[in-house]
Amino acid sequence: MIKFIDFGKFYKKIRKEILKEIDRVLLAGDLILRKDTEIFEKQLAKFVGMKYVCGLNSGTDALFLSLKAAGIEQGDEVITSDYTFIATHEAIINCGAKLVLVDYNDNFLIDENKIEEKITKKTKAIIPVHIAGAVCNMDKIMEIAEKYNLIVIEDACQAIGAKGLGRGLTTCFSHYPAKILGAYGDAGSVCSNDEKIIDRIKLLRNHCEGVDFGFNSRLDNLQAAILNVKFKYLRGWLKRRKEIARIYDKELKNIFQIKLPLKREIYQDYILSVENREELKNYLEKNGVETLIGKYNLSSRRGKDLRLPCNPDLTNKEIMCVCNLIKKFNFKEV
């Protein structure tokens, strides 16, 4: 079986390092907002090239607390893509704001050319969603935001390591186990070059320290310690994912019914746009290949997205097996 992600296989490679850190943290009783969290925040800030980071309990809360800290409230409107994970939409709704959807383009990114037509007097923010390592057209989005004085919150939960991030007020990451830099439980972070917004989010994550009403959204210190171990391998993992994507590019480029993803530096996942999606997914799974659809798509367009295995533990032999199976699949006219 070629799994989409083989957590056990992945864990075995760094098991000794992880267990050593878990033992150290638990023996010391360093569980909440301790040194490991501070180290993680500094490492991430350096890696993404932004000044400030706040560790949180999820990418969902990274989005939600960014909106709250930016003053988004009942009656405001927030524009985002209709193709994303449900957390993006939840963050807006849970702030009391109105969700305003814009259709996605052929690369599964928000269509920047359709944003302006959705702007009203109540529009306060835009959340561009960077999908599977592909980055939205931030030049155009920032131009629109400046023209209408709108806040930009970047949903980069699938795009750690991608170039061109950090243009918005905040950039939000998820460290859910299946992500490129994943913990062994829930975890997330917010990055920004605005010290005041990060200070506000740090207050909100910890009940506003009794000064006001806030939330409980702290990055677990144990998860921070685990992420600090994984940081040592991050660049290598990113490189390997890109190598895998290039094999897919080469082997699948001449299949008429498949549109390959936009070439880029970072691959959280490798997403095909493919006819007969359900049939191809079922065929691959019957032949021992696990794939995912997995996005919360509110578009009226017929879904064509299929995510192929792209994790760094895959061998070239396994990738070629996936490619050869796809080549043998009997595509039909739709």
Protein backbone atom coordinates (compact mmCIF):
# COMPACT_ATOMS: atom_id res chain seq x y z
CA MET A 1 0.00 0.00 0.00
CA ILE A 2 1.33 3.44 -0.98
CA LYS A 3 -0.11 5.66 1.71
CA PHE A 4 -0.78 9.35 1.27
CA ILE A 5 1.19 9.84 4.50
CA ASP A 6 2.77 6.99 6.45
CA PHE A 7 3.01 8.48 9.94
CA GLY A 8 4.58 5.37 11.48
CA LYS A 9 7.33 5.10 8.86
CA PHE A 10 8.02 8.80 9.22
CA TYR A 11 8.18 8.64 13.02
CA LYS A 12 10.65 5.74 13.10
CA LYS A 13 13.32 7.91 11.46
CA ILE A 14 13.30 10.54 14.21
CA ARG A 15 11.92 8.46 17.09
CA LYS A 16 15.00 8.65 19.33
CA GLU A 17 15.21 12.44 19.03
CA ILE A 18 11.50 12.90 19.66
CA LEU A 19 11.43 10.62 22.71
CA LYS A 20 14.46 12.39 24.17
CA GLU A 21 12.70 15.76 23.91
CA ILE A 22 9.41 14.42 25.28
CA ASP A 23 11.24 12.95 28.26
CA ARG A 24 13.09 16.21 28.92
CA VAL A 25 9.95 18.37 28.75
CA LEU A 26 7.86 16.06 30.94
CA LEU A 27 10.56 15.58 33.58
CA ALA A 28 10.96 19.34 33.85
CA GLY A 29 7.20 19.93 33.87
CA ASP A 30 7.58 22.54 31.12
CA LEU A 31 4.08 22.20 29.69
CA ILE A 32 2.53 25.58 28.89
CA LEU A 33 4.18 28.69 27.37
CA ARG A 34 7.73 27.75 28.27
CA LYS A 35 11.14 27.99 26.63
CA ASP A 36 10.46 25.51 23.83
CA THR A 37 7.56 27.62 22.59
CA GLU A 38 9.77 30.72 22.58
CA ILE A 39 12.49 28.85 20.67
CA PHE A 40 9.95 27.64 18.12
CA GLU A 41 8.59 31.16 17.61
CA LYS A 42 12.11 32.50 17.00
CA GLN A 43 13.00 29.67 14.63
CA LEU A 44 9.86 30.15 12.60
CA ALA A 45 10.31 33.93 12.40
CA LYS A 46 13.82 33.43 11.02
CA PHE A 47 12.71 30.74 8.58
CA VAL A 48 9.83 32.72 7.05
CA GLY A 49 11.67 36.05 7.18
CA MET A 50 9.18 37.87 9.40
CA LYS A 51 9.85 39.68 12.66
CA TYR A 52 7.27 38.26 15.04
CA VAL A 53 5.55 34.93 15.64
CA CYS A 54 2.86 33.73 18.03
CA GLY A 55 2.45 30.00 18.59
CA LEU A 56 -1.16 28.82 18.85
CA ASN A 57 -3.10 25.59 19.18
CA SER A 58 -4.14 25.39 15.51
CA GLY A 59 -4.09 27.00 12.10
CA THR A 60 -7.82 27.54 12.56
CA ASP A 61 -7.20 29.76 15.57
CA ALA A 62 -4.37 31.49 13.72
CA LEU A 63 -6.97 32.73 11.24
CA PHE A 64 -9.67 33.40 13.83
CA LEU A 65 -7.45 35.33 16.26
CA SER A 66 -5.90 37.30 13.40
CA LEU A 67 -9.37 38.49 12.43
CA LYS A 68 -10.31 39.21 16.05
CA ALA A 69 -7.08 41.11 16.72
CA ALA A 70 -7.63 43.13 13.53
CA GLY A 71 -11.06 44.22 14.79
CA ILE A 72 -13.29 42.17 12.49
CA GLU A 73 -16.73 41.91 14.09
CA GLN A 74 -20.47 41.43 13.61
CA GLY A 75 -21.73 42.98 10.37
CA ASP A 76 -18.34 43.18 8.64
CA GLU A 77 -17.74 41.34 5.38
CA VAL A 78 -14.66 39.24 4.66
CA ILE A 79 -13.76 38.04 1.16
CA THR A 80 -12.09 34.68 0.59
CA SER A 81 -11.94 31.76 -1.82
CA ASP A 82 -14.72 29.23 -2.30
CA TYR A 83 -12.04 26.52 -2.51
CA THR A 84 -10.33 25.94 0.82
CA PHE A 85 -10.51 23.88 3.98
CA ILE A 86 -13.58 24.65 6.09
CA ALA A 87 -11.42 26.34 8.77
CA THR A 88 -10.98 29.45 6.61
CA HIS A 89 -14.74 29.96 6.42
CA GLU A 90 -15.25 29.01 10.07
CA ALA A 91 -12.84 31.70 11.23
CA ILE A 92 -14.88 34.37 9.43
CA ILE A 93 -18.27 33.10 10.60
CA ASN A 94 -17.09 32.70 14.20
CA CYS A 95 -16.09 36.37 14.23
CA GLY A 96 -19.68 37.23 13.40
CA ALA A 97 -18.68 38.51 9.97
CA LYS A 98 -20.34 37.72 6.65
CA LEU A 99 -18.57 35.21 4.41
CA VAL A 100 -18.16 36.54 0.86
CA LEU A 101 -16.92 33.95 -1.62
CA VAL A 102 -14.87 34.43 -4.78
CA ASP A 103 -14.46 31.66 -7.35
CA TYR A 104 -11.12 29.90 -7.71
CA ASN A 105 -9.00 29.82 -10.85
CA ASP A 106 -7.46 26.88 -12.71
CA ASN A 107 -4.70 26.63 -10.09
CA PHE A 108 -7.26 26.31 -7.25
CA LEU A 109 -6.33 29.80 -5.99
CA ILE A 110 -8.69 32.73 -5.47
CA ASP A 111 -9.34 34.48 -8.80
CA GLU A 112 -7.89 37.92 -8.10
CA ASN A 113 -9.75 39.33 -11.11
CA LYS A 114 -13.11 38.64 -9.45
CA ILE A 115 -12.39 40.19 -6.04
CA GLU A 116 -13.26 43.82 -6.73
CA GLU A 117 -16.80 43.02 -7.88
CA LYS A 118 -17.51 41.54 -4.44
CA ILE A 119 -16.36 44.58 -2.44
CA THR A 120 -19.02 46.66 -0.65
CA LYS A 121 -19.03 49.37 2.00
CA LYS A 122 -19.06 46.62 4.63
CA THR A 123 -15.99 44.79 3.31
CA LYS A 124 -13.17 44.92 5.85
CA ALA A 125 -10.75 42.14 4.91
CA ILE A 126 -9.53 39.65 2.31
CA ILE A 127 -8.20 36.19 3.12
CA PRO A 128 -6.22 34.81 0.17
CA VAL A 129 -5.71 31.04 0.55
CA HIS A 130 -2.39 29.64 -0.64
CA ILE A 131 -3.22 26.10 -1.76
CA ALA A 132 -0.78 23.18 -1.42
CA GLY A 133 2.28 25.44 -1.67
CA ALA A 134 1.00 27.59 -4.54
CA VAL A 135 0.84 31.29 -3.65
CA CYS A 136 -1.96 33.61 -4.75
CA ASN A 137 -1.29 36.68 -6.89
CA MET A 138 -0.35 38.85 -3.90
CA ASP A 139 0.72 41.83 -6.02
CA LYS A 140 -2.81 42.20 -7.37
CA ILE A 141 -4.47 41.38 -4.05
CA MET A 142 -2.37 43.91 -2.14
CA GLU A 143 -3.12 46.52 -4.82
CA ILE A 144 -6.85 45.95 -4.32
CA ALA A 145 -6.49 46.00 -0.53
CA GLU A 146 -4.64 49.30 -0.59
CA LYS A 147 -7.15 50.82 -2.99
CA TYR A 148 -10.09 50.00 -0.70
CA ASN A 149 -8.22 50.17 2.63
CA LEU A 150 -8.77 46.49 3.43
CA ILE A 151 -6.96 44.18 5.84
CA VAL A 152 -5.23 41.13 4.34
CA ILE A 153 -4.89 37.94 6.38
CA GLU A 154 -2.93 35.25 4.52
CA ASP A 155 -4.07 31.66 4.92
CA ALA A 156 -0.73 29.92 4.41
CA CYS A 157 -1.66 26.79 6.34
CA GLN A 158 -0.57 24.69 3.34
CA ALA A 159 2.36 26.83 2.24
CA ILE A 160 5.15 26.95 4.80
CA GLY A 161 8.42 27.63 2.98
CA ALA A 162 6.81 29.21 -0.08
CA LYS A 163 8.23 32.41 -1.50
CA GLY A 164 6.13 35.57 -1.59
CA LEU A 165 4.41 35.20 1.78
CA GLY A 166 4.23 37.88 4.46
CA ARG A 167 2.53 40.63 2.47
CA GLY A 168 -0.57 40.77 4.64
CA LEU A 169 -1.10 41.98 8.18
CA THR A 170 -0.61 38.39 9.34
CA THR A 171 0.36 35.10 7.74
CA CYS A 172 -1.19 31.99 9.28
CA PHE A 173 0.30 28.50 9.40
CA SER A 174 -1.02 25.13 10.47
CA HIS A 175 1.20 22.52 12.11
CA TYR A 176 -1.42 19.79 12.01
CA PRO A 177 0.34 16.39 11.75
CA ALA A 178 -0.30 16.04 8.00
CA LYS A 179 1.29 19.39 7.14
CA ILE A 180 4.87 19.82 5.90
CA LEU A 181 5.98 20.96 9.37
CA GLY A 182 3.52 19.02 11.48
CA ALA A 183 3.37 18.37 15.21
CA TYR A 184 2.06 15.19 16.85
CA GLY A 185 -1.17 16.92 17.75
CA ASP A 186 -2.86 20.22 16.99
CA ALA A 187 -0.64 23.27 16.58
CA GLY A 188 -0.54 26.51 14.59
CA SER A 189 1.15 29.88 14.37
CA VAL A 190 0.73 33.47 13.25
CA CYS A 191 3.58 35.47 11.71
CA SER A 192 3.72 39.22 11.14
CA ASN A 193 5.98 42.23 10.81
CA ASP A 194 3.51 44.21 12.94
CA GLU A 195 4.51 43.92 16.59
CA LYS A 196 1.22 45.33 17.88
CA ILE A 197 -0.94 42.72 16.13
CA ILE A 198 1.23 39.87 17.46
CA ASP A 199 1.12 41.33 20.97
CA ARG A 200 -2.66 41.47 20.72
CA ILE A 201 -2.86 37.85 19.51
CA LYS A 202 -0.58 36.75 22.36
CA LEU A 203 -3.01 38.31 24.80
CA LEU A 204 -6.02 36.73 23.10
CA ARG A 205 -4.46 33.24 23.10
CA ASN A 206 -4.05 33.27 26.88
CA HIS A 207 -7.40 34.60 28.19
CA CYS A 208 -6.14 38.18 27.73
CA GLU A 209 -4.30 37.53 31.01
CA GLY A 210 -7.37 38.54 32.99
CA VAL A 211 -7.47 42.07 31.58
CA ASP A 212 -10.31 41.26 29.18
CA PHE A 213 -12.08 38.19 27.85
CA GLY A 214 -9.94 36.16 25.51
CA PHE A 215 -9.46 32.55 24.45
CA ASN A 216 -7.47 29.45 25.32
CA SER A 217 -5.29 28.86 22.26
CA ARG A 218 -1.76 28.33 23.48
CA LEU A 219 0.79 26.25 21.58
CA ASP A 220 1.50 23.25 23.81
CA ASN A 221 5.13 23.40 24.91
CA LEU A 222 5.52 19.68 24.25
CA GLN A 223 4.38 20.14 20.65
CA ALA A 224 6.76 23.09 20.32
CA ALA A 225 9.64 20.84 21.42
CA ILE A 226 8.62 18.27 18.79
CA LEU A 227 8.41 20.94 16.09
CA ASN A 228 11.89 22.18 17.06
CA VAL A 229 13.26 18.70 16.34
CA LYS A 230 11.48 18.59 12.99
CA PHE A 231 12.79 22.03 12.03
CA LYS A 232 16.22 20.47 11.47
CA TYR A 233 14.80 18.39 8.62
CA LEU A 234 12.41 20.91 7.08
CA ARG A 235 14.55 22.13 4.19
CA GLY A 236 15.38 18.56 3.19
CA TRP A 237 11.70 17.60 3.26
CA LEU A 238 10.81 20.57 1.09
CA LYS A 239 13.52 19.62 -1.40
CA ARG A 240 12.33 15.99 -1.58
CA ARG A 241 8.71 17.01 -2.14
CA LYS A 242 9.83 19.14 -5.07
CA GLU A 243 11.80 16.21 -6.51
CA ILE A 244 8.70 14.02 -6.30
CA ALA A 245 6.60 16.69 -8.00
CA ARG A 246 9.07 16.91 -10.88
CA ILE A 247 8.76 13.15 -11.46
CA TYR A 248 4.98 13.51 -11.63
CA ASP A 249 5.40 16.47 -14.01
CA LYS A 250 7.61 14.47 -16.35
CA GLU A 251 5.61 11.25 -16.33
CA LEU A 252 2.07 12.66 -16.51
CA LYS A 253 2.54 15.66 -18.82
CA ASN A 254 1.21 13.99 -21.97
CA ILE A 255 -2.06 12.66 -20.57
CA PHE A 256 -4.72 14.76 -22.27
CA GLN A 257 -7.37 14.39 -19.54
CA ILE A 258 -5.04 15.66 -16.79
CA LYS A 259 -4.03 19.24 -16.05
CA LEU A 260 -0.85 19.36 -14.00
CA PRO A 261 -0.45 21.84 -11.14
CA LEU A 262 1.38 25.13 -11.50
CA LYS A 263 5.12 24.61 -11.08
CA ARG A 264 6.43 26.11 -7.87
CA GLU A 265 9.07 25.78 -5.15
CA ILE A 266 6.88 24.24 -2.45
CA TYR A 267 4.53 21.23 -2.60
CA GLN A 268 2.33 20.58 0.39
CA ASP A 269 0.44 18.25 -1.95
CA TYR A 270 0.51 17.47 -5.66
CA ILE A 271 -2.95 18.31 -7.02
CA LEU A 272 -4.14 17.14 -10.42
CA SER A 273 -7.08 18.66 -12.21
CA VAL A 274 -8.56 15.54 -13.75
CA GLU A 275 -11.64 14.28 -15.54
CA ASN A 276 -13.21 11.13 -14.09
CA ARG A 277 -11.87 12.10 -10.67
CA GLU A 278 -13.93 9.68 -8.61
CA GLU A 279 -13.29 6.82 -11.02
CA LEU A 280 -9.53 7.47 -11.01
CA LYS A 281 -9.47 7.75 -7.22
CA ASN A 282 -11.29 4.43 -6.82
CA TYR A 283 -9.05 2.76 -9.40
CA LEU A 284 -5.86 3.89 -7.64
CA GLU A 285 -7.11 2.82 -4.23
CA LYS A 286 -8.08 -0.63 -5.57
CA ASN A 287 -4.50 -0.88 -6.78
CA GLY A 288 -2.99 0.13 -3.44
CA VAL A 289 -2.53 3.90 -3.82
CA GLU A 290 -4.14 6.25 -1.31
CA THR A 291 -5.25 9.64 -2.67
CA LEU A 292 -7.25 12.54 -1.27
CA ILE A 293 -9.83 15.06 -2.41
CA GLY A 294 -10.32 16.62 0.98
CA LYS A 295 -11.13 20.28 0.29
CA TYR A 296 -14.22 22.11 1.39
CA ASN A 297 -15.44 23.35 -1.99
CA LEU A 298 -18.41 25.75 -1.99
CA SER A 299 -18.07 26.47 -5.68
CA SER A 300 -20.81 25.46 -8.11
CA ARG A 301 -18.11 24.08 -10.40
CA ARG A 302 -17.74 20.33 -10.77
CA GLY A 303 -14.83 19.07 -8.65
CA LYS A 304 -11.78 17.83 -10.55
CA ASP A 305 -9.07 18.04 -7.89
CA LEU A 306 -7.20 14.89 -6.86
CA ARG A 307 -4.22 14.89 -4.51
CA LEU A 308 -1.49 12.34 -5.15
CA PRO A 309 0.99 11.10 -2.50
CA CYS A 310 3.86 13.60 -2.23
CA ASN A 311 5.37 13.00 1.21
CA PRO A 312 9.19 12.93 1.48
CA ASP A 313 9.36 9.29 2.61
CA LEU A 314 8.16 8.01 -0.76
CA THR A 315 10.71 6.28 -2.98
CA ASN A 316 11.12 6.97 -6.68
CA LYS A 317 9.94 3.41 -7.28
CA GLU A 318 6.67 4.13 -5.45
CA ILE A 319 6.16 7.37 -7.38
CA MET A 320 6.71 5.56 -10.68
CA CYS A 321 4.19 2.94 -9.60
CA VAL A 322 1.59 5.70 -9.12
CA CYS A 323 2.45 7.20 -12.50
CA ASN A 324 2.29 3.89 -14.34
CA LEU A 325 -1.11 3.08 -12.84
CA ILE A 326 -2.47 6.46 -13.98
CA LYS A 327 -1.10 5.87 -17.48
CA LYS A 328 -2.98 2.57 -17.63
CA PHE A 329 -6.27 4.09 -16.45
CA ASN A 330 -9.01 4.15 -19.09
CA PHE A 331 -10.10 7.79 -19.20
CA LYS A 332 -13.51 8.39 -20.71
CA GLU A 333 -15.12 11.39 -22.32
CA VAL A 334 -17.05 13.56 -19.85
